[in-house]
Protein backbone atom coordinates (compact mmCIF):
# COMPACT_ATOMS: atom_id res chain seq x y z
CA MET A 1 96.56 117.87 82.63
CA PRO A 2 96.12 119.36 86.18
CA ARG A 3 97.16 122.60 86.55
CA PRO A 4 100.77 123.34 88.40
CA GLY A 5 100.16 124.19 92.02
CA ALA A 6 97.01 122.15 92.11
CA VAL A 7 96.43 119.40 94.94
CA ARG A 8 97.84 116.39 93.58
CA PRO A 9 95.79 113.79 92.41
CA ASP A 10 98.15 110.79 94.00
CA VAL A 11 97.26 112.82 97.44
CA LEU A 12 93.50 112.81 97.26
CA THR A 13 93.08 109.41 95.78
CA ARG A 14 95.29 108.12 98.89
CA LEU A 15 92.84 110.26 100.88
CA ASN A 16 89.87 108.68 99.54
CA LYS A 17 90.35 105.18 99.25
CA THR A 18 92.51 104.49 102.20
CA ASP A 19 91.01 102.32 105.27
CA ARG A 20 90.40 104.90 107.63
CA SER A 21 89.59 102.66 110.36
CA SER A 22 92.44 104.74 112.17
CA LEU A 23 91.63 108.05 111.47
CA LEU A 24 91.61 109.42 114.73
CA VAL A 25 95.04 107.87 115.87
CA SER A 26 96.68 109.96 112.63
CA THR A 27 94.48 112.77 112.83
CA ALA A 28 97.60 115.10 114.05
CA LEU A 29 99.90 113.81 111.73
CA ALA A 30 97.63 113.38 108.19
CA SER A 31 96.51 116.86 109.11
CA THR A 32 100.02 118.55 109.21
CA LEU A 33 101.29 116.43 106.28
CA LEU A 34 98.19 116.99 104.16
CA ILE A 35 98.03 120.67 104.53
CA ALA A 36 101.87 120.98 104.00
CA SER A 37 101.48 119.01 100.91
CA LEU A 38 99.12 122.17 99.59
CA MET A 39 101.17 125.02 100.97
CA THR A 40 103.68 124.83 97.96
CA PRO A 41 104.47 127.44 95.60
CA THR A 42 101.48 128.69 93.32
CA PRO A 43 102.28 129.40 89.80
CA ALA A 44 103.04 132.70 88.28
CA GLN A 45 99.74 132.59 86.53
CA ALA A 46 97.61 132.67 89.15
CA ALA A 47 95.37 135.64 89.75
CA VAL A 48 96.93 137.45 92.58
CA CYS A 49 94.27 139.39 94.88
CA LEU A 50 94.70 143.17 95.06
CA GLN A 51 95.92 144.42 97.70
CA PRO A 52 93.78 147.66 98.76
CA GLY A 53 95.69 150.96 100.58
CA GLY A 54 95.54 151.16 104.10
CA THR A 55 93.33 148.92 106.43
CA ALA A 56 90.57 148.67 103.56
CA PRO A 57 89.00 145.08 103.19
CA ILE A 58 90.16 142.95 99.91
CA THR A 59 87.34 141.93 97.88
CA TYR A 60 88.40 139.48 94.73
CA THR A 61 85.42 137.91 93.62
CA GLY A 62 83.73 135.82 90.88
CA ILE A 63 87.32 135.30 89.60
CA ASP A 64 87.90 132.29 86.48
CA ASP A 65 91.02 131.51 87.59
CA PHE A 66 93.02 130.11 90.51
CA ILE A 67 93.11 132.70 93.25
CA VAL A 68 96.29 133.06 95.41
CA CYS A 69 96.19 135.66 98.09
CA VAL A 70 98.46 136.72 100.85
CA ASN A 71 97.45 139.29 103.57
CA THR A 72 100.11 140.74 105.86
CA GLU A 73 97.95 143.85 106.84
CA THR A 74 95.02 144.64 109.03
CA ARG A 75 92.14 144.92 107.70
CA THR A 76 88.36 146.37 108.35
CA GLY A 77 85.31 145.89 106.84
CA ALA A 78 82.30 147.91 107.91
CA ASP A 79 80.32 146.02 104.98
CA SER A 80 80.10 142.69 105.84
CA TYR A 81 83.82 141.28 104.67
CA ALA A 82 87.42 142.15 105.79
CA ILE A 83 88.46 139.27 103.29
CA LYS A 84 86.32 138.23 100.46
CA LEU A 85 87.87 135.55 97.97
CA SER A 86 85.22 133.50 95.21
CA THR A 87 86.09 131.72 91.77
CA LYS A 88 83.64 131.10 89.09
CA THR A 89 83.16 129.07 85.84
CA SER A 90 86.09 126.56 84.99
CA VAL A 91 87.60 123.66 86.68
CA GLU A 92 90.41 123.79 88.89
CA ASN A 93 89.93 127.40 90.21
CA SER A 94 91.04 127.03 93.49
CA ILE A 95 91.48 129.55 96.42
CA ASP A 96 94.87 129.62 98.74
CA LEU A 97 94.73 131.86 101.28
CA ASP A 98 97.21 132.95 103.84
CA SER A 99 96.67 135.69 106.05
CA SER A 100 98.73 137.15 109.35
CA GLY A 101 96.67 140.45 109.71
CA THR A 102 94.16 141.44 112.54
CA LEU A 103 90.11 141.64 110.75
CA THR A 104 87.75 142.88 111.73
CA ALA A 105 84.48 143.11 109.89
CA THR A 106 81.00 144.48 110.73
CA ASP A 107 77.72 145.28 108.78
CA ALA A 108 77.74 148.92 109.78
CA ASP A 109 77.72 150.16 106.30
CA ILE A 110 75.50 147.08 104.92
CA PRO A 111 73.18 144.92 107.34
CA GLY A 112 73.13 141.13 107.17
CA ASP A 113 75.76 138.43 107.35
CA VAL A 114 79.11 139.27 108.31
CA TYR A 115 82.33 137.43 107.66
CA GLY A 116 86.27 137.39 108.51
CA ILE A 117 87.18 135.46 105.51
CA PHE A 118 85.06 134.42 102.87
CA THR A 119 85.64 131.97 100.29
CA ASP A 120 83.55 130.07 97.83
CA THR A 121 84.57 128.18 94.91
CA VAL A 122 81.70 126.46 92.65
CA THR A 123 83.62 124.16 90.05
CA ASP A 124 85.22 120.78 90.06
CA ASP A 125 88.43 120.36 91.70
CA SER A 126 88.69 123.35 93.10
CA PHE A 127 90.08 123.33 96.81
CA ILE A 128 90.07 125.83 99.30
CA THR A 129 92.95 126.27 101.55
CA ILE A 130 93.33 128.68 104.43
CA VAL A 131 95.93 129.60 106.69
CA ASN A 132 94.94 132.27 108.93
CA SER A 133 97.40 133.55 112.29
CA GLY A 134 95.49 136.73 112.78
CA ASP A 135 93.08 137.44 115.10
CA ILE A 136 89.45 137.91 113.69
CA VAL A 137 86.38 139.46 115.17
CA ALA A 138 83.28 139.31 112.96
CA THR A 139 79.92 141.28 114.39
CA SER A 140 76.48 141.09 112.88
CA THR A 141 74.09 142.84 115.02
CA GLY A 142 70.64 141.03 113.07
CA ASP A 143 72.47 138.14 111.15
CA ASP A 144 74.81 135.44 110.80
CA ALA A 145 78.54 136.30 111.94
CA TYR A 146 81.26 133.95 110.77
CA GLY A 147 84.82 134.14 111.55
CA ILE A 148 86.20 132.08 108.71
CA TRP A 149 83.70 131.06 106.35
CA ALA A 150 84.65 128.10 103.62
CA ARG A 151 82.55 126.77 101.01
CA ALA A 152 82.90 124.30 97.83
CA ASP A 153 80.34 123.25 95.53
CA GLY A 154 82.33 121.24 93.06
CA THR A 155 83.59 117.18 92.91
CA GLY A 156 86.58 116.65 94.15
CA SER A 157 87.18 120.06 95.91
CA PRO A 158 88.61 119.73 99.31
CA ILE A 159 88.46 122.51 101.95
CA HIS A 160 91.71 122.53 104.62
CA ILE A 161 92.04 125.26 106.92
CA LYS A 162 94.67 126.11 109.45
CA ASN A 163 94.14 128.34 111.92
CA SER A 164 96.52 130.02 114.76
CA GLY A 165 94.86 133.57 115.31
CA ASP A 166 92.10 133.77 118.13
CA ILE A 167 88.35 134.29 116.54
CA THR A 168 85.41 135.72 117.69
CA ALA A 169 82.02 136.03 116.42
CA GLU A 170 79.10 137.52 117.77
CA GLY A 171 75.84 137.23 115.36
CA GLY A 172 72.34 138.79 115.97
CA ASP A 173 71.34 135.55 114.62
CA ARG A 174 73.74 132.42 114.30
CA ALA A 175 77.54 132.56 115.03
CA TYR A 176 80.26 130.48 113.81
CA GLY A 177 83.87 130.68 114.81
CA ILE A 178 84.69 128.39 111.48
CA ARG A 179 82.55 127.02 109.43
CA ALA A 180 83.31 124.86 106.32
CA TYR A 181 81.12 123.08 104.16
CA THR A 182 81.50 120.54 100.53
CA ARG A 183 78.77 120.02 98.39
CA LEU A 184 79.39 116.84 96.11
CA ALA A 185 81.71 113.63 96.26
CA ASP A 186 85.69 113.57 97.04
CA SER A 187 85.47 116.91 99.17
CA PRO A 188 87.04 116.36 102.59
CA ILE A 189 87.44 118.59 104.77
CA HIS A 190 90.46 119.22 107.07
CA ILE A 191 90.79 121.75 110.20
CA VAL A 192 93.49 121.90 112.55
CA ASN A 193 92.76 125.08 115.09
CA SER A 194 94.84 125.96 117.79
CA GLY A 195 93.64 129.74 118.46
CA ASP A 196 90.85 130.36 121.06
CA ILE A 197 87.36 130.58 119.02
CA MET A 198 84.32 132.54 121.17
CA ALA A 199 80.97 132.27 119.27
CA MET A 200 78.33 134.12 120.69
CA GLY A 201 74.86 133.66 118.56
CA GLY A 202 71.52 135.47 119.02
CA SER A 203 69.68 131.67 118.26
CA ASP A 204 72.73 129.32 117.81
CA ALA A 205 76.13 129.44 118.43
CA TYR A 206 79.21 126.93 116.71
CA GLY A 207 82.66 127.25 118.03
CA ILE A 208 83.66 125.00 114.86
CA PHE A 209 81.16 123.59 112.33
CA ALA A 210 81.85 121.24 109.17
CA PHE A 211 79.52 119.71 107.03
CA THR A 212 79.95 117.39 103.74
CA ARG A 213 77.13 116.41 101.89
CA ASP A 214 78.06 114.07 99.21
CA PRO A 215 80.27 110.30 99.39
CA ASP A 216 83.95 109.70 100.07
CA SER A 217 84.20 113.18 102.25
CA PRO A 218 85.47 112.77 105.46
CA ILE A 219 85.87 115.26 107.82
CA ASP A 220 89.00 115.37 110.19
CA ILE A 221 89.21 117.92 112.91
CA MET A 222 92.14 118.66 115.29
CA ASN A 223 91.49 121.42 117.75
CA SER A 224 94.04 122.59 120.91
CA GLY A 225 92.25 125.93 121.36
CA ASP A 226 89.96 126.80 124.30
CA ILE A 227 86.54 127.33 122.43
CA GLU A 228 83.33 129.18 124.14
CA ALA A 229 79.63 129.10 122.35
CA SER A 230 76.92 130.99 123.56
CA SER A 231 73.22 130.99 122.83
CA ASP A 232 70.63 133.53 123.74
CA THR A 233 67.64 131.64 122.75
CA GLY A 234 68.63 128.57 120.95
CA TYR A 235 71.83 125.75 120.82
CA ALA A 236 75.01 126.00 121.03
CA TYR A 237 77.90 123.51 119.90
CA GLY A 238 81.71 123.62 120.61
CA ILE A 239 82.52 121.17 117.78
CA ARG A 240 79.81 120.13 115.10
CA ALA A 241 81.01 117.40 112.22
CA HIS A 242 78.69 116.08 110.08
CA THR A 243 78.75 113.48 107.01
CA VAL A 244 76.01 111.61 105.21
CA ASP A 245 77.85 108.50 103.54
CA VAL A 246 78.98 105.55 105.29
CA ASP A 247 82.54 105.97 103.50
CA SER A 248 82.93 109.73 105.09
CA PRO A 249 84.05 108.97 108.58
CA ILE A 250 84.68 111.38 111.08
CA GLY A 251 87.79 112.40 113.34
CA ILE A 252 88.02 114.66 115.81
CA LYS A 253 90.67 115.35 118.47
CA ASN A 254 90.75 117.61 120.90
CA SER A 255 93.08 119.05 123.58
CA GLY A 256 91.25 122.51 124.37
CA ASP A 257 88.80 123.29 126.91
CA ILE A 258 85.17 123.88 125.60
CA TRP A 259 82.20 125.28 127.04
CA ALA A 260 78.84 125.66 125.58
CA THR A 261 75.74 127.70 126.92
CA ALA A 262 72.51 127.72 125.64
CA GLU A 263 68.75 128.56 126.48
CA LEU A 264 67.75 125.03 124.89
CA ASN A 265 70.42 122.38 124.33
CA ALA A 266 74.55 122.85 124.85
CA TYR A 267 76.81 120.11 123.23
CA GLY A 268 80.53 119.87 123.50
CA VAL A 269 80.86 117.91 120.27
CA VAL A 270 78.29 116.38 118.19
CA ALA A 271 79.96 114.11 115.47
CA GLY A 272 77.46 113.36 112.63
CA ASP A 273 74.55 111.50 114.75
CA ALA A 274 76.42 110.68 117.47
CA ALA A 275 76.21 113.62 120.19
CA LEU A 276 79.29 113.54 122.59
CA VAL A 277 77.92 115.65 125.57
CA GLU A 278 77.75 115.92 129.53
CA ASP A 279 75.89 117.79 131.51
CA GLY A 280 77.50 120.47 134.79
CA LEU A 281 80.84 121.70 134.81
CA ASP A 282 84.42 120.92 134.59
CA VAL A 283 83.34 117.59 133.22
CA GLY A 284 86.04 114.91 132.94
CA GLY A 285 84.68 112.33 130.17
CA ILE A 286 82.12 112.67 127.14
CA ALA A 287 78.93 110.15 125.98
CA GLY A 288 77.86 109.39 122.54
CA ARG A 289 77.17 106.49 120.66
CA ALA A 290 77.60 105.98 116.51
CA ARG A 291 74.72 104.42 114.36
CA LEU A 292 74.22 103.09 110.99
CA GLY A 293 77.61 101.22 110.52
CA ARG A 294 79.48 105.10 110.35
CA ARG A 295 82.48 105.68 111.81
CA ARG A 296 82.91 108.36 114.35
CA ARG A 297 86.01 108.78 116.17
CA VAL A 298 86.67 111.21 119.38
CA ALA A 299 89.53 111.83 121.41
CA PHE A 300 88.92 114.62 124.14
CA SER A 301 91.49 115.53 126.75
CA GLY A 302 90.35 119.08 127.66
CA ARG A 303 87.71 120.52 130.11
CA LEU A 304 84.13 120.23 129.26
CA GLY A 305 81.09 122.62 130.65
CA LEU A 306 77.95 122.70 129.47
CA ALA A 307 74.88 124.57 130.83
CA GLY A 308 71.37 124.53 129.36
CA ASN A 309 67.93 124.15 130.27
CA ARG A 310 67.31 120.80 128.39
CA LYS A 311 69.12 117.74 129.74
CA CYS A 312 71.35 116.23 126.45
CA ASN A 313 73.27 112.97 127.01
CA GLU A 314 72.83 111.95 123.60
CA GLN A 315 71.17 113.51 120.17
CA ASP A 316 70.16 111.44 116.92
CA GLU A 317 70.32 113.34 113.87
């Protein structure tokens, strides 16, 4: 029997089997309702993350249980994390995080990748839910920087992120404002963002990046925040979403301004193998195409500004 408080099977069944031809049209409503359905009270027997005193980072890793974490305090981590949560071993070991405090993470003490929020589940039926309303700053001098990182490796393990805080990620290598990844089937990704995102990478930069790699794992992104992605030597993406299965459509609805600047190519929105970009500043429209019968639906009403040394009207993956 599913653990109390876990994702209801009927919700996931309807999500994965429904006809998603109108995915984009209902993006806002579907995302709001689905995330709301997951924000139910968590059972008392779940593991509640430890709350260190002062502004110390929260580190609660390798937990063989459902993790619940509510943070309302400012957290500062010089060892690469402001909040780090991970589970292991048993199925239905999910993560439910609600953070409203300001988060700052650097690699001052331990050089390497840096995470404002890091979440990771490894077994089946282990979802990740993140609701963040605090500002996040993640800075890595030589490696990657992530404002929010979420990875789920099991089957039936969706990721749901709702962010309203401003995110700044600056990496000596790559930078991601929000990065979400699921590895196995029946593991969709839903992201609702209203905060402003700035991603600055030494190589590549991504405002929002979402990737699912197995069947029946659609991606649904609704963004109303302004996004700025800049790369010193590589590629810059405002929003990038990628799936590998014909039954895993992508829906993106954007009403925020997107600015991408790169030494090589700059992209406003890339959905799977369809690149939706325009060169120039203050561009009102976007261009792109979908291949192999996959459904890629993008609605764009914000301003789009791109600057790069290569002309990129389309990109095939």
